[in-house]
N, C-alpha and C. Protein backbone atom coordinates (compact mmCIF):
# COMPACT_ATOMS: atom_id res chain seq x y z
N MET A 1 0.92 -1.22 0.08
CA MET A 1 0.03 0.06 0.06
C MET A 1 0.89 1.22 0.17
N MET A 2 0.45 2.17 -0.82
CA MET A 2 1.38 3.41 -0.91
C MET A 2 0.87 4.37 0.08
N ASP A 3 1.91 5.26 0.70
CA ASP A 3 1.30 6.10 1.72
C ASP A 3 1.68 7.55 0.90
N ILE A 4 0.52 7.91 0.80
CA ILE A 4 0.21 9.39 0.09
C ILE A 4 1.14 10.28 0.59
N SER A 5 0.78 10.58 1.94
CA SER A 5 1.55 11.62 2.84
C SER A 5 3.24 11.73 2.53
N LYS A 6 3.73 10.41 2.38
CA LYS A 6 4.98 10.43 2.13
C LYS A 6 5.34 10.52 0.56
N ILE A 7 4.51 10.42 -0.25
CA ILE A 7 4.84 10.96 -1.63
C ILE A 7 4.72 12.32 -1.77
N ARG A 8 3.66 13.00 -1.08
CA ARG A 8 3.42 14.38 -1.07
C ARG A 8 4.85 14.92 -0.70
N ASP A 9 5.26 14.51 0.57
CA ASP A 9 6.47 15.22 1.19
C ASP A 9 7.61 15.12 -0.03
N ARG A 10 7.69 14.01 -0.59
CA ARG A 10 8.64 13.94 -1.67
C ARG A 10 8.52 14.81 -2.76
N ALA A 11 7.12 14.95 -3.32
CA ALA A 11 6.84 15.89 -4.27
C ALA A 11 7.33 17.30 -4.04
N GLN A 12 6.81 17.48 -2.81
CA GLN A 12 7.04 19.08 -2.26
C GLN A 12 8.45 19.25 -1.82
N GLY A 13 9.56 18.11 -2.03
CA GLY A 13 10.82 18.34 -1.56
C GLY A 13 11.10 18.53 -0.12
N VAL A 14 10.16 18.22 0.79
CA VAL A 14 10.21 17.89 2.14
C VAL A 14 11.12 16.80 2.70
N SER A 15 10.85 15.71 1.62
CA SER A 15 11.72 14.41 2.18
C SER A 15 12.42 14.22 0.79
N GLU A 16 13.82 13.51 0.90
CA GLU A 16 14.40 13.32 -0.39
C GLU A 16 13.66 12.09 -1.13
N GLY A 17 14.03 12.11 -2.33
CA GLY A 17 13.73 11.16 -3.32
C GLY A 17 12.73 11.51 -4.41
N PRO A 18 12.83 10.74 -5.49
CA PRO A 18 11.72 11.32 -6.60
C PRO A 18 10.51 10.71 -6.59
N VAL A 19 9.39 11.09 -7.01
CA VAL A 19 8.02 10.74 -7.19
C VAL A 19 7.99 9.57 -8.23
N THR A 20 7.48 8.43 -8.23
CA THR A 20 7.80 7.41 -9.36
C THR A 20 6.60 7.43 -10.28
N PRO A 21 6.80 7.26 -11.37
CA PRO A 21 5.51 7.24 -12.24
C PRO A 21 4.44 6.46 -11.62
N GLU A 22 4.64 5.33 -10.90
CA GLU A 22 3.72 4.66 -10.14
C GLU A 22 2.84 5.33 -9.34
N GLU A 23 3.69 5.99 -8.58
CA GLU A 23 3.19 6.75 -7.22
C GLU A 23 2.43 8.07 -7.95
N LEU A 24 2.85 8.60 -8.90
CA LEU A 24 1.96 9.58 -9.54
C LEU A 24 0.73 9.40 -10.00
N GLU A 25 0.58 8.05 -10.97
CA GLU A 25 -0.51 7.48 -11.17
C GLU A 25 -1.59 7.05 -9.99
N PHE A 26 -0.90 6.83 -9.00
CA PHE A 26 -1.84 6.47 -7.69
C PHE A 26 -2.45 7.71 -7.39
N ALA A 27 -1.71 8.92 -7.32
CA ALA A 27 -2.43 10.16 -6.97
C ALA A 27 -3.43 10.68 -8.12
N ARG A 28 -3.10 10.34 -9.40
CA ARG A 28 -3.85 10.75 -10.34
C ARG A 28 -5.20 10.03 -10.20
N ASN A 29 -5.16 8.67 -9.91
CA ASN A 29 -6.22 7.93 -9.69
C ASN A 29 -7.27 8.47 -8.46
N ILE A 30 -6.53 8.92 -7.56
CA ILE A 30 -7.32 9.55 -6.33
C ILE A 30 -8.24 10.75 -6.66
N LEU A 31 -7.54 11.51 -7.68
CA LEU A 31 -8.25 12.61 -8.23
C LEU A 31 -9.23 12.32 -9.31
N SER A 32 -9.26 11.43 -9.93
CA SER A 32 -10.14 10.80 -10.82
C SER A 32 -11.43 10.41 -10.29
N THR A 33 -11.16 9.62 -9.08
CA THR A 33 -12.34 9.05 -8.36
C THR A 33 -12.69 9.80 -7.42
N SER A 34 -12.12 10.96 -6.91
CA SER A 34 -12.48 11.54 -5.69
C SER A 34 -12.44 10.70 -4.43
N GLN A 35 -11.62 9.82 -4.36
CA GLN A 35 -11.65 8.70 -3.11
C GLN A 35 -10.15 8.85 -2.62
N GLY A 36 -10.13 9.17 -1.47
CA GLY A 36 -8.81 9.00 -0.93
C GLY A 36 -8.44 10.55 -0.42
N ASP A 37 -7.11 10.75 -0.04
CA ASP A 37 -6.46 11.91 0.39
C ASP A 37 -6.39 13.12 -0.84
N ILE A 38 -7.34 13.69 -1.13
CA ILE A 38 -7.53 14.53 -2.47
C ILE A 38 -6.35 15.51 -2.26
N ALA A 39 -6.48 16.28 -0.98
CA ALA A 39 -5.48 17.31 -0.94
C ALA A 39 -4.02 16.98 -1.38
N SER A 40 -3.57 15.80 -0.62
CA SER A 40 -2.08 15.46 -0.95
C SER A 40 -1.94 14.94 -2.45
N ALA A 41 -3.16 14.28 -3.02
CA ALA A 41 -3.08 14.04 -4.57
C ALA A 41 -3.10 15.28 -5.31
N LEU A 42 -3.59 16.41 -4.91
CA LEU A 42 -3.39 17.72 -5.94
C LEU A 42 -2.08 18.22 -5.85
N TYR A 43 -1.41 17.87 -4.40
CA TYR A 43 -0.10 18.65 -4.38
C TYR A 43 0.85 17.89 -5.33
N ILE A 44 0.88 16.06 -5.30
CA ILE A 44 1.57 15.43 -6.04
C ILE A 44 1.50 15.75 -7.49
N VAL A 45 0.11 15.83 -7.87
CA VAL A 45 -0.16 16.18 -9.43
C VAL A 45 0.49 17.37 -9.68
N GLY A 46 -0.10 18.32 -8.76
CA GLY A 46 0.45 19.68 -9.18
C GLY A 46 2.10 19.80 -9.49
N TYR A 47 2.65 19.17 -8.44
CA TYR A 47 4.31 19.29 -8.58
C TYR A 47 4.82 18.57 -9.75
N CYS A 48 4.22 17.24 -9.83
CA CYS A 48 4.87 16.34 -10.69
C CYS A 48 3.84 15.87 -12.13
N GLY A 49 2.93 16.56 -12.15
CA GLY A 49 1.98 16.23 -13.30
C GLY A 49 2.43 16.98 -14.48
N ASN A 50 1.62 17.09 -15.44
CA ASN A 50 1.60 17.99 -16.60
C ASN A 50 0.56 18.19 -17.13
N ASP A 51 0.07 18.95 -18.44
CA ASP A 51 -0.86 19.63 -18.89
C ASP A 51 -2.00 18.39 -19.27
N ASP A 52 -1.47 17.33 -19.24
CA ASP A 52 -2.69 16.08 -19.30
C ASP A 52 -3.46 16.08 -18.07
N ASP A 53 -3.11 16.56 -17.04
CA ASP A 53 -3.80 16.53 -15.68
C ASP A 53 -4.79 17.69 -15.44
N ILE A 54 -4.75 18.55 -16.51
CA ILE A 54 -5.73 19.80 -16.06
C ILE A 54 -7.02 19.76 -15.93
N LEU A 55 -7.86 18.81 -16.70
CA LEU A 55 -9.12 18.73 -16.25
C LEU A 55 -9.19 17.83 -15.14
N ARG A 56 -8.32 16.94 -15.07
CA ARG A 56 -8.48 15.92 -13.38
C ARG A 56 -8.26 16.92 -12.60
N MET A 57 -7.71 18.12 -12.47
CA MET A 57 -7.44 19.02 -11.37
C MET A 57 -8.68 20.07 -11.20
N GLU A 58 -8.96 20.44 -12.61
CA GLU A 58 -9.87 21.64 -12.84
C GLU A 58 -11.27 21.29 -11.71
N ARG A 59 -11.69 20.12 -11.99
CA ARG A 59 -12.85 19.87 -11.07
C ARG A 59 -12.90 20.16 -9.80
N TYR A 60 -11.82 20.25 -9.18
CA TYR A 60 -11.73 20.82 -7.66
C TYR A 60 -11.80 22.18 -7.58
N ILE A 61 -11.95 22.92 -8.80
CA ILE A 61 -11.82 24.60 -8.51
C ILE A 61 -13.43 24.86 -8.81
N LYS A 62 -14.30 23.77 -8.77
CA LYS A 62 -15.67 23.95 -9.08
C LYS A 62 -16.59 23.12 -7.97
N PRO A 63 -17.64 23.61 -7.91
CA PRO A 63 -18.64 22.92 -6.97
C PRO A 63 -18.74 21.66 -7.52
N PRO A 64 -18.89 20.48 -6.75
CA PRO A 64 -19.00 20.66 -5.09
C PRO A 64 -17.84 20.51 -4.57
N PHE A 65 -16.58 20.43 -5.24
CA PHE A 65 -15.36 19.97 -4.46
C PHE A 65 -14.54 21.24 -4.16
N ALA A 66 -15.15 22.46 -4.68
CA ALA A 66 -14.21 23.65 -4.64
C ALA A 66 -14.14 24.08 -3.17
N GLU A 67 -15.32 24.06 -2.46
CA GLU A 67 -15.40 24.46 -0.90
C GLU A 67 -14.27 23.83 -0.20
N ALA A 68 -13.77 22.53 -0.64
CA ALA A 68 -12.91 21.94 0.23
C ALA A 68 -11.58 22.00 -0.20
N TYR A 69 -11.49 21.97 -1.60
CA TYR A 69 -10.17 21.92 -2.35
C TYR A 69 -9.68 22.88 -3.30
N GLY A 70 -10.90 23.87 -3.41
CA GLY A 70 -10.52 25.13 -4.52
C GLY A 70 -9.08 25.73 -4.08
N GLU A 71 -8.64 26.13 -3.10
CA GLU A 71 -7.39 26.76 -2.77
C GLU A 71 -6.22 25.80 -3.17
N ILE A 72 -6.22 24.77 -2.94
CA ILE A 72 -5.19 23.95 -3.04
C ILE A 72 -5.07 23.41 -4.69
N ALA A 73 -6.12 23.39 -5.31
CA ALA A 73 -6.35 22.94 -6.53
C ALA A 73 -5.84 24.17 -7.41
N PHE A 74 -6.49 25.18 -7.04
CA PHE A 74 -6.13 26.68 -7.92
C PHE A 74 -4.60 26.89 -7.76
N LYS A 75 -3.96 26.59 -6.62
CA LYS A 75 -2.63 26.89 -6.52
C LYS A 75 -1.73 25.89 -7.28
N ALA A 76 -2.20 24.80 -7.49
CA ALA A 76 -1.44 23.71 -8.09
C ALA A 76 -1.40 23.95 -9.37
N LEU A 77 -2.81 24.37 -10.19
CA LEU A 77 -2.82 24.88 -11.35
C LEU A 77 -1.90 25.88 -11.71
N CYS A 78 -2.10 26.97 -10.90
CA CYS A 78 -1.49 28.14 -11.33
C CYS A 78 -0.09 28.46 -11.03
N ARG A 79 0.53 27.85 -9.90
CA ARG A 79 1.77 27.97 -9.49
C ARG A 79 2.62 26.78 -9.79
N TYR A 80 2.07 25.55 -9.45
CA TYR A 80 2.98 24.41 -9.57
C TYR A 80 3.02 23.76 -10.94
N LEU A 81 1.89 23.85 -11.56
CA LEU A 81 1.76 23.20 -13.17
C LEU A 81 2.34 24.60 -14.00
N LYS A 82 2.42 25.91 -13.37
CA LYS A 82 2.60 26.94 -14.08
C LYS A 82 1.64 27.36 -15.17
N LEU A 83 0.37 27.18 -14.94
CA LEU A 83 -0.56 27.51 -15.90
C LEU A 83 -1.34 28.74 -15.57
N ILE A 84 -0.73 29.85 -15.05
CA ILE A 84 -1.22 31.03 -14.69
C ILE A 84 -1.70 31.74 -15.89
N ASP A 85 -1.34 31.59 -16.99
CA ASP A 85 -1.76 32.17 -18.35
C ASP A 85 -3.22 31.83 -18.62
N ARG A 86 -3.41 30.56 -18.34
CA ARG A 86 -4.69 29.89 -18.49
C ARG A 86 -5.95 30.28 -17.77
N TYR A 87 -5.45 30.65 -16.48
CA TYR A 87 -6.46 31.04 -15.41
C TYR A 87 -6.45 32.46 -15.25
N ARG A 88 -5.75 33.32 -15.78
CA ARG A 88 -5.70 34.84 -15.44
C ARG A 88 -7.22 35.45 -15.49
N PRO A 89 -8.00 35.22 -16.22
CA PRO A 89 -9.42 35.73 -16.17
C PRO A 89 -10.23 35.15 -14.96
N LEU A 90 -10.05 33.94 -14.40
CA LEU A 90 -10.57 33.45 -13.22
C LEU A 90 -10.09 34.20 -11.87
N LEU A 91 -8.56 34.22 -11.89
CA LEU A 91 -8.07 34.91 -11.07
C LEU A 91 -8.37 36.48 -10.92
N ARG A 92 -8.44 37.05 -11.83
CA ARG A 92 -8.67 38.32 -11.99
C ARG A 92 -9.98 38.52 -11.15
N SER A 93 -11.21 38.05 -11.89
CA SER A 93 -12.37 37.84 -11.19
C SER A 93 -12.35 37.85 -9.77
N LEU A 94 -11.93 36.65 -9.35
CA LEU A 94 -11.57 36.30 -7.94
C LEU A 94 -10.95 37.67 -7.01
N ILE A 95 -10.22 38.04 -7.66
CA ILE A 95 -9.51 39.50 -6.65
C ILE A 95 -10.72 40.38 -6.69
N PHE A 96 -11.31 40.55 -7.89
CA PHE A 96 -12.64 41.67 -7.80
C PHE A 96 -13.70 41.23 -7.06
N GLY A 97 -13.62 39.96 -6.63
CA GLY A 97 -14.87 39.41 -5.79
C GLY A 97 -15.99 39.08 -6.77
N GLU A 98 -15.90 39.04 -7.86
CA GLU A 98 -16.90 38.89 -8.64
C GLU A 98 -17.24 37.26 -9.15
N ASN A 99 -16.45 36.53 -8.66
CA ASN A 99 -16.59 34.76 -9.01
C ASN A 99 -16.06 34.30 -7.90
N LEU A 100 -16.85 33.88 -6.62
CA LEU A 100 -16.29 33.46 -5.56
C LEU A 100 -16.82 31.98 -5.61
N SER A 101 -16.00 31.26 -6.33
CA SER A 101 -16.40 29.58 -6.54
C SER A 101 -16.34 28.85 -5.09
N TRP A 102 -15.49 29.34 -4.23
CA TRP A 102 -15.11 28.79 -3.04
C TRP A 102 -14.88 29.79 -1.97
N PRO A 103 -15.14 29.67 -0.71
CA PRO A 103 -15.10 30.36 0.36
C PRO A 103 -13.87 31.43 0.40
N ASP A 104 -12.60 30.73 0.15
CA ASP A 104 -11.44 31.33 -0.04
C ASP A 104 -10.92 31.79 -1.11
N GLY A 105 -11.69 31.75 -2.06
CA GLY A 105 -11.46 32.26 -3.52
C GLY A 105 -10.45 33.59 -3.62
N ARG A 106 -11.12 34.50 -2.91
CA ARG A 106 -10.41 35.74 -3.19
C ARG A 106 -9.10 35.81 -2.57
N ILE A 107 -8.90 35.44 -1.29
CA ILE A 107 -7.57 35.33 -0.64
C ILE A 107 -6.63 34.38 -1.55
N THR A 108 -7.12 33.51 -2.04
CA THR A 108 -6.19 32.54 -2.83
C THR A 108 -5.85 33.41 -3.94
N ALA A 109 -6.87 34.03 -4.70
CA ALA A 109 -6.12 34.78 -6.04
C ALA A 109 -5.22 35.76 -5.50
N ILE A 110 -5.44 36.56 -4.34
CA ILE A 110 -4.59 37.58 -3.91
C ILE A 110 -3.10 36.94 -3.47
N GLN A 111 -3.24 35.95 -2.94
CA GLN A 111 -1.80 35.16 -2.83
C GLN A 111 -1.21 34.68 -4.07
N LEU A 112 -1.93 34.56 -5.13
CA LEU A 112 -1.51 34.15 -6.39
C LEU A 112 -0.86 35.24 -7.27
N SER A 113 -1.49 36.61 -6.73
CA SER A 113 -1.23 37.74 -7.55
C SER A 113 0.34 38.07 -8.02
N PRO A 114 1.08 37.77 -7.18
CA PRO A 114 2.48 38.18 -7.58
C PRO A 114 2.86 37.06 -8.70
N ASP A 115 2.36 35.92 -8.90
CA ASP A 115 2.40 34.87 -9.88
C ASP A 115 1.63 35.65 -11.30
N TYR A 116 0.70 36.07 -10.84
CA TYR A 116 -0.15 36.63 -11.91
C TYR A 116 0.34 37.90 -12.61
N LEU A 117 1.01 38.68 -11.85
CA LEU A 117 1.83 40.05 -12.32
C LEU A 117 3.06 39.81 -12.63
N SER A 118 3.76 38.50 -12.73
CA SER A 118 5.00 38.61 -13.12
C SER A 118 5.18 38.34 -14.25
N GLY A 119 5.76 39.37 -14.98
CA GLY A 119 6.24 39.62 -16.29
C GLY A 119 4.74 39.77 -17.14
N TYR A 120 3.55 40.36 -16.42
CA TYR A 120 2.40 40.57 -17.05
C TYR A 120 1.94 41.85 -16.42
N ARG A 121 1.51 42.83 -16.98
CA ARG A 121 1.07 44.12 -16.62
C ARG A 121 -0.42 44.05 -16.58
N ASP A 122 -0.93 44.34 -15.26
CA ASP A 122 -2.53 44.62 -15.15
C ASP A 122 -2.62 45.47 -14.08
N ASN A 123 -2.62 46.75 -14.51
CA ASN A 123 -2.82 47.73 -13.35
C ASN A 123 -3.86 47.93 -12.60
N GLN A 124 -5.04 47.47 -13.41
CA GLN A 124 -6.21 47.35 -12.44
C GLN A 124 -6.25 46.41 -11.27
N VAL A 125 -5.45 45.29 -11.54
CA VAL A 125 -5.43 44.26 -10.68
C VAL A 125 -4.45 44.84 -9.41
N ALA A 126 -3.49 45.32 -9.92
CA ALA A 126 -2.65 45.88 -8.81
C ALA A 126 -3.16 46.94 -7.93
N CYS A 127 -3.99 47.81 -8.65
CA CYS A 127 -4.69 48.99 -7.81
C CYS A 127 -5.74 48.24 -7.04
N GLU A 128 -6.38 47.28 -7.41
CA GLU A 128 -7.31 46.63 -6.63
C GLU A 128 -6.59 46.17 -5.27
N LEU A 129 -5.59 45.59 -5.46
CA LEU A 129 -4.80 45.09 -4.09
C LEU A 129 -4.42 46.37 -3.16
N VAL A 130 -4.18 47.52 -3.85
CA VAL A 130 -3.90 48.77 -3.25
C VAL A 130 -5.14 48.93 -2.46
N ASN A 131 -6.32 48.84 -3.05
CA ASN A 131 -7.60 49.47 -2.55
C ASN A 131 -8.02 48.44 -1.38
N ILE A 132 -7.54 47.14 -1.46
CA ILE A 132 -7.78 46.13 -0.31
C ILE A 132 -6.83 46.48 0.91
N LEU A 133 -5.72 46.96 0.54
CA LEU A 133 -4.77 47.23 1.54
C LEU A 133 -5.23 48.51 2.49
N LEU A 134 -5.90 49.42 1.70
CA LEU A 134 -6.27 50.62 2.20
C LEU A 134 -7.63 50.70 2.87
N ASN A 135 -8.22 49.51 2.72
CA ASN A 135 -9.44 49.26 3.34
C ASN A 135 -9.33 48.65 4.81
N GLU A 136 -9.34 49.33 5.89
CA GLU A 136 -9.01 48.68 7.14
C GLU A 136 -10.11 47.64 7.53
N GLU A 137 -11.18 47.79 6.73
CA GLU A 137 -12.20 46.72 7.19
C GLU A 137 -12.20 45.24 6.19
N ASP A 138 -11.49 45.20 5.24
CA ASP A 138 -11.38 44.31 4.47
C ASP A 138 -10.55 43.13 4.95
N GLU A 139 -11.00 42.15 5.20
CA GLU A 139 -10.34 40.88 6.03
C GLU A 139 -9.29 40.44 5.19
N ASP A 140 -9.15 40.60 3.88
CA ASP A 140 -8.03 40.01 3.10
C ASP A 140 -6.82 41.19 2.87
N ARG A 141 -7.08 42.11 3.88
CA ARG A 141 -5.94 43.22 3.86
C ARG A 141 -4.61 42.91 3.96
N LEU A 142 -4.18 41.89 4.94
CA LEU A 142 -3.11 41.20 5.24
C LEU A 142 -2.41 40.53 3.97
N SER A 143 -3.18 39.81 3.41
CA SER A 143 -2.79 39.16 2.09
C SER A 143 -2.48 40.17 1.11
N ALA A 144 -3.21 41.08 0.94
CA ALA A 144 -2.87 42.09 -0.09
C ALA A 144 -1.53 43.00 0.13
N ARG A 145 -1.44 43.15 1.37
CA ARG A 145 0.01 43.67 1.57
C ARG A 145 1.10 42.74 1.50
N ASN A 146 1.06 41.52 1.70
CA ASN A 146 1.95 40.68 1.70
C ASN A 146 2.52 40.23 0.17
N ALA A 147 1.16 40.26 -0.47
CA ALA A 147 1.33 39.94 -1.93
C ALA A 147 1.90 41.24 -2.64
N LEU A 148 1.94 42.79 -2.27
CA LEU A 148 2.53 43.79 -2.67
C LEU A 148 3.96 43.85 -2.56
N VAL A 149 4.35 43.47 -1.28
CA VAL A 149 5.60 43.35 -0.96
C VAL A 149 6.35 42.69 -1.93
N ARG A 150 5.67 41.30 -2.40
CA ARG A 150 6.43 40.49 -3.27
C ARG A 150 6.69 40.97 -4.63
N ILE A 151 5.53 41.85 -5.22
CA ILE A 151 5.01 42.23 -6.33
C ILE A 151 6.14 43.48 -6.54
N LEU A 152 6.25 44.30 -5.45
CA LEU A 152 7.24 45.43 -5.61
C LEU A 152 8.59 45.11 -5.15
N SER A 153 8.88 43.67 -5.20
CA SER A 153 10.21 43.43 -4.76
C SER A 153 10.67 44.21 -3.41
N LEU A 154 10.01 44.21 -2.26
CA LEU A 154 10.31 45.18 -1.26
C LEU A 154 10.79 44.18 -0.26
N THR A 155 11.09 42.90 -0.35
CA THR A 155 11.18 42.18 0.85
C THR A 155 12.71 42.61 1.84
N ASP A 156 13.55 43.15 0.88
CA ASP A 156 14.78 43.68 1.61
C ASP A 156 14.74 45.10 2.13
N GLN A 157 13.55 45.72 1.83
CA GLN A 157 13.20 47.25 2.16
C GLN A 157 12.46 47.47 3.41
N VAL A 158 11.47 46.27 3.41
CA VAL A 158 10.41 46.57 4.50
C VAL A 158 10.94 46.19 5.73
N LYS A 159 10.47 46.52 7.23
CA LYS A 159 11.25 46.10 8.41
C LYS A 159 10.87 44.74 8.45
N ARG A 160 9.30 44.36 8.11
CA ARG A 160 8.58 43.10 8.40
C ARG A 160 8.11 42.62 6.92
N ARG A 161 8.60 41.58 6.57
CA ARG A 161 8.34 41.07 5.00
C ARG A 161 6.92 40.66 5.19
N VAL A 162 6.53 39.96 6.16
CA VAL A 162 5.11 39.15 6.10
C VAL A 162 4.86 39.41 7.45
N VAL A 163 3.47 39.98 7.52
CA VAL A 163 2.97 40.26 8.90
C VAL A 163 1.51 39.58 9.02
N SER A 164 1.41 39.27 10.25
CA SER A 164 0.30 38.69 10.59
C SER A 164 -0.80 39.22 11.25
N GLU A 165 -0.65 40.74 11.50
CA GLU A 165 -1.43 41.48 11.96
C GLU A 165 -1.31 43.08 11.68
N LEU A 166 -2.31 43.64 11.02
CA LEU A 166 -1.99 44.99 10.57
C LEU A 166 -2.76 45.89 11.19
N ARG A 167 -2.25 47.06 12.09
CA ARG A 167 -3.15 48.29 12.55
C ARG A 167 -2.70 49.38 11.79
N GLY A 168 -3.81 50.23 11.31
CA GLY A 168 -3.29 51.41 10.85
C GLY A 168 -2.37 51.31 9.68
N PHE A 169 -1.62 52.43 9.55
CA PHE A 169 -0.65 52.50 8.47
C PHE A 169 0.82 52.60 8.90
N ASP A 170 1.38 51.87 9.08
CA ASP A 170 2.89 51.95 9.78
C ASP A 170 3.82 52.30 8.53
N GLN A 171 4.91 52.61 8.81
CA GLN A 171 6.07 53.05 7.58
C GLN A 171 5.98 52.08 6.63
N ASP A 172 6.24 50.81 6.93
CA ASP A 172 6.18 49.67 5.79
C ASP A 172 4.96 50.03 4.84
N THR A 173 3.92 49.98 5.57
CA THR A 173 2.64 50.04 4.81
C THR A 173 2.56 51.46 3.67
N LYS A 174 3.18 52.45 4.40
CA LYS A 174 3.29 53.94 3.51
C LYS A 174 4.10 53.64 2.61
N LEU A 175 5.24 52.93 2.61
CA LEU A 175 6.35 52.70 1.58
C LEU A 175 5.44 51.98 0.49
N ILE A 176 4.99 50.97 0.90
CA ILE A 176 4.46 49.98 0.02
C ILE A 176 3.35 50.73 -0.89
N LEU A 177 2.36 51.51 -0.28
CA LEU A 177 1.49 52.19 -0.87
C LEU A 177 1.95 53.25 -1.77
N ASN A 178 2.93 53.97 -1.28
CA ASN A 178 3.58 55.05 -2.23
C ASN A 178 4.16 54.63 -3.42
N LEU A 179 4.93 53.48 -3.59
CA LEU A 179 5.43 52.72 -4.65
C LEU A 179 4.39 52.11 -5.38
N ALA A 180 3.46 51.69 -4.75
CA ALA A 180 2.59 50.84 -5.52
C ALA A 180 1.64 51.64 -6.39
N LYS A 181 1.53 52.91 -5.92
CA LYS A 181 0.65 54.08 -6.51
C LYS A 181 1.49 54.69 -7.65
N ALA A 182 2.62 54.91 -7.22
CA ALA A 182 3.52 55.34 -8.53
C ALA A 182 3.64 54.56 -9.63
N ARG A 183 3.97 53.00 -9.16
CA ARG A 183 4.22 52.17 -10.26
C ARG A 183 3.14 51.97 -11.07
N PHE A 184 1.79 51.65 -10.42
CA PHE A 184 0.51 51.16 -11.30
C PHE A 184 -0.35 52.33 -11.58
N GLY A 185 0.03 53.54 -11.21
CA GLY A 185 -0.78 54.48 -11.57
C GLY A 185 -2.13 54.77 -10.76
N CYS A 186 -2.28 53.93 -9.36
CA CYS A 186 -3.42 54.02 -8.86
C CYS A 186 -3.81 55.48 -8.19
N GLU A 187 -4.99 55.61 -8.02
CA GLU A 187 -5.36 57.12 -7.31
C GLU A 187 -5.59 56.93 -5.77
């Protein structure tokens, strides 16, 4: 019997060793049948799969599976399989809160926004991240701040690269806002 968690650890580089073709097929079968540790299978197929796995994984960003697996599946498709171009329209609509296919769809898209904007210009999305950061009532404000730090390559210039709590507008936040507004033409 294959241990899916050990396979996942190797796929993610947490443990040493390759994922064998048989183990990859085992993970694919879990996704095809929706039986077993789907989350681990999404990681394995995301890291080790290919474009032939798109439809197998896409079903997990749609109801009824999206509520439980949407975040992992979307990150696996966009980041691990490097299919960000294919999912730009969905990611964009999630950031704007227009298509919330799963409860954490917006925050997932915000976390993927550095990938979305890497080598691609979309000032509207960047400015929406600024708007989210400016809105002290927005529950995704921290994620927008952390994404903007990566997008603007400020990890070495801010005192705190990643924050878990944000109150008001500290010096780092002011720097992020000023640079983002200048770079993306935000009002």
